[in-house]
């Protein structure tokens, strides 16, 4: 089973980060008012970023890391074009397939560390 961490942009411009096993269903729930309390009053929401992970624990750890970021830190994950969705599939691969060098960001392997 694939686990996802996602970032949606709410109608007021705020960003919400969540975890799910079905992104389409979860976005529909947010837009129906059945998602998180935070998004219920900020509909509609638009999917802006999604990451794929091979375990629930990895996805939920990553969700916490993203939620802990400043808005600027979250925005670095988003594509510049608001009509596009950023996607990261690196969570589906083992850590030894990517550089472990501390000069690289833990959120996007191979990307210079500038997201903190």
Protein backbone atom coordinates (compact mmCIF):
# COMPACT_ATOMS: atom_id res chain seq x y z
CA UNK A 1 0.00 0.00 0.00
CA UNK A 2 1.23 3.49 -0.81
CA UNK A 3 0.93 6.24 1.78
CA UNK A 4 0.78 9.91 0.85
CA UNK A 5 1.60 13.25 2.40
CA UNK A 6 -0.11 16.14 0.66
CA UNK A 7 -0.34 19.91 0.80
CA UNK A 8 -3.50 21.72 -0.24
CA UNK A 9 -4.04 25.41 -0.70
CA UNK A 10 -7.24 26.63 0.91
CA UNK A 11 -9.54 29.29 -0.53
CA UNK A 12 -8.06 31.87 1.87
CA UNK A 13 -4.52 31.11 0.58
CA UNK A 14 -3.43 29.17 3.65
CA UNK A 15 -1.70 25.80 3.31
CA UNK A 16 -2.81 22.57 4.98
CA UNK A 17 -0.68 19.40 5.19
CA UNK A 18 -2.15 15.95 5.71
CA UNK A 19 -1.65 12.19 5.41
CA UNK A 20 -3.83 9.71 3.50
CA UNK A 21 -3.85 6.44 1.60
CA UNK A 22 -6.10 7.89 -1.14
CA UNK A 23 -5.38 11.46 -2.23
CA UNK A 24 -8.41 11.84 -4.52
CA UNK A 25 -10.83 10.66 -1.84
CA UNK A 26 -9.22 12.89 0.77
CA UNK A 27 -9.38 16.01 -1.40
CA UNK A 28 -13.05 15.25 -2.10
CA UNK A 29 -13.64 14.91 1.67
CA UNK A 30 -11.97 18.27 2.33
CA UNK A 31 -14.07 19.93 -0.37
CA UNK A 32 -17.28 18.36 0.98
CA UNK A 33 -16.52 19.73 4.46
CA UNK A 34 -15.87 16.22 5.82
CA UNK A 35 -12.09 16.58 6.00
CA UNK A 36 -10.14 18.33 8.73
CA UNK A 37 -11.79 21.02 10.84
CA UNK A 38 -9.19 23.46 9.54
CA UNK A 39 -10.22 23.06 5.90
CA UNK A 40 -13.97 22.83 6.50
CA UNK A 41 -14.33 26.61 6.62
CA UNK A 42 -11.73 27.27 3.96
CA UNK A 43 -13.20 25.48 0.96
CA UNK A 44 -12.56 24.75 -1.77
CA UNK A 45 -9.06 23.35 -1.40
CA UNK A 46 -6.65 22.72 -4.26
CA UNK A 47 -4.00 20.00 -4.25
CA UNK A 48 -0.57 21.62 -4.62
CA UNK A 49 1.92 18.93 -3.56
CA UNK A 50 2.02 15.19 -2.90
CA UNK A 51 4.68 12.74 -1.74
CA UNK A 52 4.56 8.96 -1.99
CA UNK A 53 5.86 6.78 0.88
CA UNK A 54 6.07 3.02 1.31
CA UNK A 55 5.05 3.00 4.97
CA UNK A 56 2.56 4.78 7.17
CA UNK A 57 5.21 5.66 9.73
CA UNK A 58 7.48 7.28 7.11
CA UNK A 59 4.59 9.29 5.69
CA UNK A 60 3.43 10.47 9.11
CA UNK A 61 6.97 11.44 10.13
CA UNK A 62 7.22 13.47 6.94
CA UNK A 63 3.80 15.04 7.52
CA UNK A 64 5.00 16.23 10.92
CA UNK A 65 8.20 17.67 9.40
CA UNK A 66 6.25 19.61 6.80
CA UNK A 67 3.69 20.86 9.33
CA UNK A 68 6.56 22.11 11.48
CA UNK A 69 7.91 24.30 8.67
CA UNK A 70 7.21 27.97 8.22
CA UNK A 71 4.93 28.99 5.38
CA UNK A 72 8.02 29.88 3.36
CA UNK A 73 9.42 26.41 3.95
CA UNK A 74 6.18 24.82 2.76
CA UNK A 75 6.05 27.07 -0.29
CA UNK A 76 9.45 25.76 -1.38
CA UNK A 77 7.80 22.40 -2.02
CA UNK A 78 5.15 23.88 -4.30
CA UNK A 79 5.58 24.40 -8.03
CA UNK A 80 5.65 28.01 -9.21
CA UNK A 81 2.65 27.43 -11.48
CA UNK A 82 -0.52 27.25 -9.31
CA UNK A 83 -2.12 24.99 -11.94
CA UNK A 84 0.50 22.28 -11.37
CA UNK A 85 0.98 19.77 -8.54
CA UNK A 86 4.45 19.05 -7.19
CA UNK A 87 5.18 15.32 -6.83
CA UNK A 88 7.96 13.52 -4.92
CA UNK A 89 8.26 9.72 -5.22
CA UNK A 90 11.59 9.36 -3.44
CA UNK A 91 9.83 7.94 -0.36
CA UNK A 92 9.16 4.76 -2.34
CA UNK A 93 12.87 3.94 -2.58
CA UNK A 94 15.36 2.81 0.03
CA UNK A 95 17.65 5.42 1.57
CA UNK A 96 20.75 3.87 0.01
CA UNK A 97 19.52 4.88 -3.45
CA UNK A 98 19.98 8.57 -2.62
CA UNK A 99 22.91 10.61 -1.25
CA UNK A 100 23.17 10.59 2.54
CA UNK A 101 25.37 13.70 2.50
CA UNK A 102 24.21 16.27 5.06
CA UNK A 103 24.55 18.98 2.40
CA UNK A 104 21.40 17.66 0.80
CA UNK A 105 17.87 18.30 1.90
CA UNK A 106 15.99 15.51 3.69
CA UNK A 107 12.80 16.37 1.85
CA UNK A 108 14.00 16.04 -1.74
CA UNK A 109 17.05 13.79 -2.17
CA UNK A 110 19.68 15.31 -4.41
CA UNK A 111 18.38 18.84 -3.86
CA UNK A 112 20.68 21.37 -2.13
CA UNK A 113 19.72 21.92 1.49
CA UNK A 114 17.70 25.14 1.42
CA UNK A 115 14.31 24.17 2.81
CA UNK A 116 14.80 24.74 6.53
